[in-house]
Amino acid sequence: MQTLKEAVEAAWEGKIALGHFNVSDSNQFNAVLAAAAAAGMPVLVGVSEGERKFFGMRNIAALVRAAREAGVQVYLNADHTYSLDGCKEVIDAGFDSVIFDGSHLPMEENIATARNVVEYARASGKGTLVEGEIGRIGTSSKLLEVPPEDMDKDLTTVEEAALFVRESGVDMLAPAVGTMHGRLIGGGEPKIDLVRIEAIRSAVGIPLVLHGGSGSSDADLATVGKLGCSIVHINTDIRIAYRKGIEASLAADAKEIAPYKFLAEGVTEVEKMTEKYIRLFAGM
C-alpha cells in the first residue's frame, strides 16, 4: 500500500484532493471505509484530542491496521493536537500524520513547537507526516449561530505561510482561507479564497490542507484540489448525518432498544455523505 506521503503526492499530481473525515466511534469508521471502497479512493480518518479520548487511541489504531490488512487504503491522522507531548504520543502510536495546531500562539512559538514536532517525527523513523496550521479557522465542529469573531480578518498571508513552512519544516500546511470549523445554523456558505490558496501553494511548495470544509459550496470544494489543497477535512456534516439518521430511526420506531438497529440508519447516512464528498474532491 502507498504511504500517506505517496498518496498525497499522487493527489497533487492528479490535481485532486483526498477526503479526511473525523470519526468518534467504530460505526462512523466503518461507514467512512465503506464509502471509500464504493468510490475506489484512498481516505483519511481523523480523530481530534477529544475524539481520541472517547474512541480510545489504541482502538482506532487497531481498526486501521485491520482495515489495511484487508486491503483498504486508509490513513490515520491525529487531528488538532495542541502540544508537543500530545504529538509525540500519536507519533509513537504509529499515526500516519499529526496536526500540530499552534494557530492560537504567537508565530514564533508556533514555528518553534512545530519544528520540534517535525524533529521528533523524523527521529522516530515511523514516517509520520507533520502538518502545521496558521490563521483563524475556528475551533469546534458544531452548529454555530454566527461565524467565529474576526475570522475574516485573520486569513493567512503568503508571507506568513512561506515563513512558517521555511522555518518549521512541516510536510503540509493548513492555512486560513475563508472556511471555518462548524456550520452556520441559518445556512450560508463561507466563501473560500481560491486565489489565496493558489498563491500560498506556489509560495510554500508543499501540499495544503483545507480545514472546515462542511458548509462550503460544492463548486469551491470541487476546485480546491486543482489549486493545491491535497486534503480536505469534513467533520460537522458527518456528525449531522449520523445524528439525523439515528433520530429518523428512533422516530420510526420509538420502542426500538437494540443499538445495532437504531444506529444503522445513522451509519447509512454517514456513508452517503462521505461518498458524496470523496467523489466531489476527486472530480468523479
Protein backbone atom coordinates (compact mmCIF):
# COMPACT_ATOMS: atom_id res chain seq x y z
CA MET A 1 0.00 0.00 0.00
CA GLN A 2 1.13 3.55 -0.67
CA THR A 3 2.39 5.60 2.22
CA LEU A 4 0.37 8.71 3.07
CA LYS A 5 3.16 10.82 1.62
CA GLU A 6 2.88 8.93 -1.68
CA ALA A 7 -0.92 9.19 -1.68
CA VAL A 8 -0.81 12.94 -1.07
CA GLU A 9 1.81 13.41 -3.79
CA ALA A 10 -0.36 11.44 -6.20
CA ALA A 11 -3.34 13.63 -5.31
CA TRP A 12 -1.29 16.75 -6.01
CA GLU A 13 -0.05 15.44 -9.34
CA GLY A 14 -3.61 14.49 -10.29
CA LYS A 15 -4.93 17.89 -9.11
CA ILE A 16 -7.49 16.32 -6.78
CA ALA A 17 -8.00 16.23 -3.03
CA LEU A 18 -8.26 13.28 -0.68
CA GLY A 19 -11.12 13.26 1.80
CA HIS A 20 -10.40 13.46 5.53
CA PHE A 21 -13.31 12.51 7.80
CA ASN A 22 -13.40 12.67 11.57
CA VAL A 23 -14.92 9.78 13.49
CA SER A 24 -15.87 9.24 17.12
CA ASP A 25 -16.76 5.55 17.10
CA SER A 26 -16.45 2.35 15.11
CA ASN A 27 -19.83 2.88 13.40
CA GLN A 28 -18.65 6.09 11.75
CA PHE A 29 -15.29 4.49 10.98
CA ASN A 30 -16.96 1.58 9.17
CA ALA A 31 -19.20 3.98 7.25
CA VAL A 32 -16.21 6.02 6.04
CA LEU A 33 -14.40 2.89 4.90
CA ALA A 34 -17.49 1.64 3.05
CA ALA A 35 -17.79 4.98 1.27
CA ALA A 36 -14.12 4.94 0.25
CA ALA A 37 -14.48 1.40 -1.08
CA ALA A 38 -17.57 2.37 -3.08
CA ALA A 39 -15.72 5.32 -4.61
CA GLY A 40 -12.50 3.36 -5.09
CA MET A 41 -10.41 6.06 -3.41
CA PRO A 42 -7.94 6.30 -0.52
CA VAL A 43 -9.30 8.01 2.58
CA LEU A 44 -8.01 9.66 5.74
CA VAL A 45 -9.69 9.09 9.08
CA GLY A 46 -9.14 11.80 11.66
CA VAL A 47 -9.51 11.85 15.42
CA SER A 48 -9.12 15.03 17.43
CA GLU A 49 -7.85 15.03 21.01
CA GLY A 50 -11.44 14.74 22.27
CA GLU A 51 -12.33 12.03 19.75
CA ARG A 52 -9.18 10.08 20.63
CA LYS A 53 -10.11 10.19 24.30
CA PHE A 54 -13.65 8.97 23.62
CA PHE A 55 -12.79 6.37 20.98
CA GLY A 56 -9.55 5.16 22.52
CA MET A 57 -6.32 5.76 20.66
CA ARG A 58 -5.33 2.09 20.67
CA ASN A 59 -8.80 1.12 19.47
CA ILE A 60 -8.80 3.35 16.40
CA ALA A 61 -5.20 2.40 15.58
CA ALA A 62 -6.11 -1.30 15.76
CA LEU A 63 -9.10 -0.78 13.46
CA VAL A 64 -6.93 0.98 10.90
CA ARG A 65 -4.34 -1.81 10.99
CA ALA A 66 -7.06 -4.42 10.49
CA ALA A 67 -8.56 -2.48 7.59
CA ARG A 68 -5.17 -2.25 5.89
CA GLU A 69 -4.63 -5.97 6.30
CA ALA A 70 -7.93 -6.38 4.47
CA GLY A 71 -6.61 -4.24 1.61
CA VAL A 72 -8.27 -0.89 2.43
CA GLN A 73 -6.17 2.20 1.66
CA VAL A 74 -6.93 4.14 4.84
CA TYR A 75 -4.69 6.54 6.75
CA LEU A 76 -4.93 7.70 10.36
CA ASN A 77 -4.48 11.34 11.29
CA ALA A 78 -4.22 12.92 14.73
CA ASP A 79 -6.33 15.99 14.15
CA HIS A 80 -5.75 19.30 16.02
CA THR A 81 -3.15 18.39 18.60
CA TYR A 82 -2.13 21.31 20.77
CA SER A 83 1.09 20.28 22.50
CA LEU A 84 4.44 18.71 21.75
CA ASP A 85 3.74 15.88 24.20
CA GLY A 86 0.42 15.15 22.51
CA CYS A 87 2.14 14.99 19.14
CA LYS A 88 4.82 12.67 20.49
CA GLU A 89 2.13 10.34 21.82
CA VAL A 90 0.45 9.82 18.47
CA ILE A 91 3.74 9.59 16.60
CA ASP A 92 4.81 6.81 18.98
CA ALA A 93 1.44 5.12 18.38
CA GLY A 94 2.16 4.96 14.65
CA PHE A 95 -0.32 7.52 13.29
CA ASP A 96 0.30 8.37 9.65
CA SER A 97 0.11 12.11 10.31
CA VAL A 98 -0.35 14.62 13.09
CA ILE A 99 -1.53 18.20 13.05
CA PHE A 100 0.21 20.47 15.50
CA ASP A 101 -2.28 23.28 15.89
CA GLY A 102 -0.43 26.31 17.21
CA SER A 103 -2.62 28.78 15.36
CA HIS A 104 -3.60 30.37 18.68
CA LEU A 105 0.04 31.03 19.56
CA PRO A 106 2.36 33.85 18.53
CA MET A 107 4.00 32.99 15.21
CA GLU A 108 7.45 32.48 16.76
CA GLU A 109 6.12 29.99 19.32
CA ASN A 110 4.01 28.20 16.72
CA ILE A 111 7.06 27.80 14.48
CA ALA A 112 9.33 26.65 17.30
CA THR A 113 6.95 23.95 18.56
CA ALA A 114 6.10 22.78 15.05
CA ARG A 115 9.83 22.44 14.35
CA ASN A 116 10.22 20.30 17.48
CA VAL A 117 7.36 18.07 16.35
CA VAL A 118 8.98 17.68 12.93
CA GLU A 119 12.32 16.78 14.50
CA TYR A 120 10.68 14.18 16.76
CA ALA A 121 8.73 12.68 13.86
CA ARG A 122 11.84 12.41 11.70
CA ALA A 123 13.86 10.84 14.51
CA SER A 124 11.12 8.27 15.18
CA GLY A 125 11.61 6.67 11.78
CA LYS A 126 7.87 5.95 11.56
CA GLY A 127 7.23 8.16 8.56
CA THR A 128 4.64 10.29 10.33
CA LEU A 129 3.83 13.44 8.37
CA VAL A 130 3.54 16.71 10.29
CA GLU A 131 1.01 19.39 9.42
CA GLY A 132 1.10 22.93 10.77
CA GLU A 133 -1.70 25.47 10.99
CA ILE A 134 -1.71 29.26 10.86
CA GLY A 135 -4.52 31.80 10.73
CA ARG A 136 -8.03 31.65 12.14
CA ILE A 137 -10.42 28.85 11.18
CA GLY A 138 -12.34 28.47 14.43
CA THR A 139 -12.03 25.71 16.98
CA SER A 140 -15.09 23.45 17.08
CA SER A 141 -17.04 21.31 14.61
CA LYS A 142 -20.55 22.19 15.73
CA LEU A 143 -23.60 24.21 14.74
CA LEU A 144 -22.99 27.93 15.17
CA GLU A 145 -25.27 30.95 15.43
CA VAL A 146 -22.63 33.26 13.94
CA PRO A 147 -19.14 32.82 12.44
CA PRO A 148 -16.15 32.99 14.81
CA GLU A 149 -15.34 36.61 15.65
CA ASP A 150 -12.99 38.41 13.25
CA MET A 151 -12.34 35.18 11.35
CA ASP A 152 -12.29 37.01 8.04
CA LYS A 153 -9.62 39.40 9.33
CA ASP A 154 -7.08 36.71 10.17
CA LEU A 155 -6.64 34.89 6.89
CA THR A 156 -3.17 33.52 6.17
CA THR A 157 -0.95 35.70 4.03
CA VAL A 158 1.54 34.39 1.50
CA GLU A 159 4.40 35.89 3.52
CA GLU A 160 3.25 34.21 6.75
CA ALA A 161 2.84 30.85 5.04
CA ALA A 162 6.28 31.00 3.42
CA LEU A 163 7.95 31.97 6.70
CA PHE A 164 6.19 29.27 8.68
CA VAL A 165 6.99 26.47 6.24
CA ARG A 166 10.59 27.56 5.77
CA GLU A 167 11.32 27.82 9.50
CA SER A 168 9.31 24.84 10.78
CA GLY A 169 9.94 22.24 8.06
CA VAL A 170 6.37 20.87 8.16
CA ASP A 171 5.22 18.45 5.47
CA MET A 172 1.81 20.06 4.98
CA LEU A 173 0.18 23.37 5.85
CA ALA A 174 -3.37 24.27 6.84
CA PRO A 175 -3.87 27.97 6.09
CA ALA A 176 -6.91 30.07 6.89
CA VAL A 177 -8.56 30.81 3.54
CA GLY A 178 -12.17 31.58 4.46
CA THR A 179 -13.55 28.28 5.73
CA MET A 180 -14.47 27.64 9.34
CA HIS A 181 -14.89 24.73 11.69
CA GLY A 182 -18.58 24.14 12.26
CA ARG A 183 -21.61 25.15 10.24
CA LEU A 184 -23.98 28.08 10.48
CA ILE A 185 -27.45 27.16 11.74
CA GLY A 186 -29.10 29.64 9.39
CA GLY A 187 -27.27 28.28 6.37
CA GLY A 188 -24.95 30.45 4.36
CA GLU A 189 -21.78 29.28 2.69
CA PRO A 190 -18.33 30.50 3.72
CA LYS A 191 -16.54 31.84 0.68
CA ILE A 192 -13.24 30.10 0.05
CA ASP A 193 -10.50 32.44 -1.17
CA LEU A 194 -9.35 30.38 -4.14
CA VAL A 195 -6.84 32.99 -5.28
CA ARG A 196 -5.20 32.92 -1.85
CA ILE A 197 -4.93 29.12 -1.93
CA GLU A 198 -3.15 29.16 -5.28
CA ALA A 199 -0.77 31.93 -4.20
CA ILE A 200 0.13 30.21 -0.93
CA ARG A 201 0.69 26.85 -2.61
CA SER A 202 3.03 28.47 -5.14
CA ALA A 203 4.98 30.15 -2.35
CA VAL A 204 5.38 27.22 0.05
CA GLY A 205 5.97 24.33 -2.33
CA ILE A 206 4.23 21.74 -0.12
CA PRO A 207 0.68 20.33 -0.12
CA LEU A 208 -2.01 22.41 1.55
CA VAL A 209 -4.86 21.08 3.68
CA LEU A 210 -8.30 22.68 3.75
CA HIS A 211 -9.95 22.52 7.17
CA GLY A 212 -13.59 23.29 7.87
CA GLY A 213 -14.98 22.05 4.58
CA SER A 214 -18.52 21.49 5.90
CA GLY A 215 -20.88 24.18 4.69
CA SER A 216 -18.77 25.42 1.79
CA SER A 217 -20.18 25.28 -1.72
CA ASP A 218 -19.71 22.16 -3.82
CA ALA A 219 -18.25 24.34 -6.57
CA ASP A 220 -15.50 25.65 -4.30
CA LEU A 221 -14.77 22.24 -2.81
CA ALA A 222 -14.51 20.71 -6.28
CA THR A 223 -11.93 23.36 -7.22
CA VAL A 224 -9.52 23.42 -4.25
CA GLY A 225 -7.73 20.23 -5.25
CA LYS A 226 -6.81 21.75 -8.59
CA LEU A 227 -5.20 24.69 -6.80
CA GLY A 228 -3.06 22.85 -4.25
CA CYS A 229 -5.23 21.58 -1.39
CA SER A 230 -4.44 17.89 -1.45
CA ILE A 231 -6.59 17.04 1.58
CA VAL A 232 -10.00 18.41 2.60
CA HIS A 233 -11.42 17.97 6.11
CA ILE A 234 -15.08 17.22 6.80
CA ASN A 235 -16.40 16.74 10.34
CA THR A 236 -19.54 18.74 11.11
CA ASP A 237 -21.51 17.28 8.19
CA ILE A 238 -20.55 13.77 9.32
CA ARG A 239 -21.85 14.48 12.83
CA ILE A 240 -25.09 15.95 11.49
CA ALA A 241 -25.67 12.99 9.16
CA TYR A 242 -25.06 10.49 11.97
CA ARG A 243 -27.43 12.22 14.36
CA LYS A 244 -30.19 12.77 11.80
CA GLY A 245 -30.07 9.13 10.74
CA ILE A 246 -30.38 7.93 14.32
CA GLU A 247 -33.18 10.40 15.05
CA ALA A 248 -35.11 9.22 11.98
CA SER A 249 -34.73 5.61 13.03
CA LEU A 250 -36.00 6.28 16.55
CA ALA A 251 -38.86 8.39 15.22
CA ALA A 252 -39.90 5.49 13.01
CA ASP A 253 -39.83 3.05 15.94
CA ALA A 254 -39.68 4.72 19.34
CA LYS A 255 -39.77 1.35 21.10
CA GLU A 256 -36.62 0.01 19.44
CA ILE A 257 -33.86 -0.53 22.01
CA ALA A 258 -31.33 -2.61 20.04
CA PRO A 259 -28.42 -0.24 19.31
CA TYR A 260 -27.35 -2.06 16.18
CA LYS A 261 -30.82 -1.43 14.78
CA PHE A 262 -31.40 2.22 15.69
CA LEU A 263 -27.81 3.18 14.90
CA ALA A 264 -27.88 1.57 11.46
CA GLU A 265 -29.62 4.48 9.75
CA GLY A 266 -27.02 6.85 11.16
CA VAL A 267 -24.27 4.70 9.67
CA THR A 268 -26.02 4.69 6.29
CA GLU A 269 -26.31 8.48 6.30
CA VAL A 270 -22.61 8.90 7.19
CA GLU A 271 -21.66 6.57 4.35
CA LYS A 272 -23.75 8.53 1.84
CA MET A 273 -22.39 11.88 3.00
CA THR A 274 -18.80 10.63 2.94
CA GLU A 275 -19.03 9.09 -0.52
CA LYS A 276 -20.54 12.31 -1.87
CA TYR A 277 -17.55 14.31 -0.66
CA ILE A 278 -14.94 11.76 -1.75
CA ARG A 279 -16.29 11.84 -5.29
CA LEU A 280 -16.58 15.64 -5.26
CA PHE A 281 -12.97 16.11 -4.17
CA ALA A 282 -11.76 13.62 -6.75
CA GLY A 283 -13.75 15.13 -9.61
CA MET A 284 -15.72 11.92 -10.10
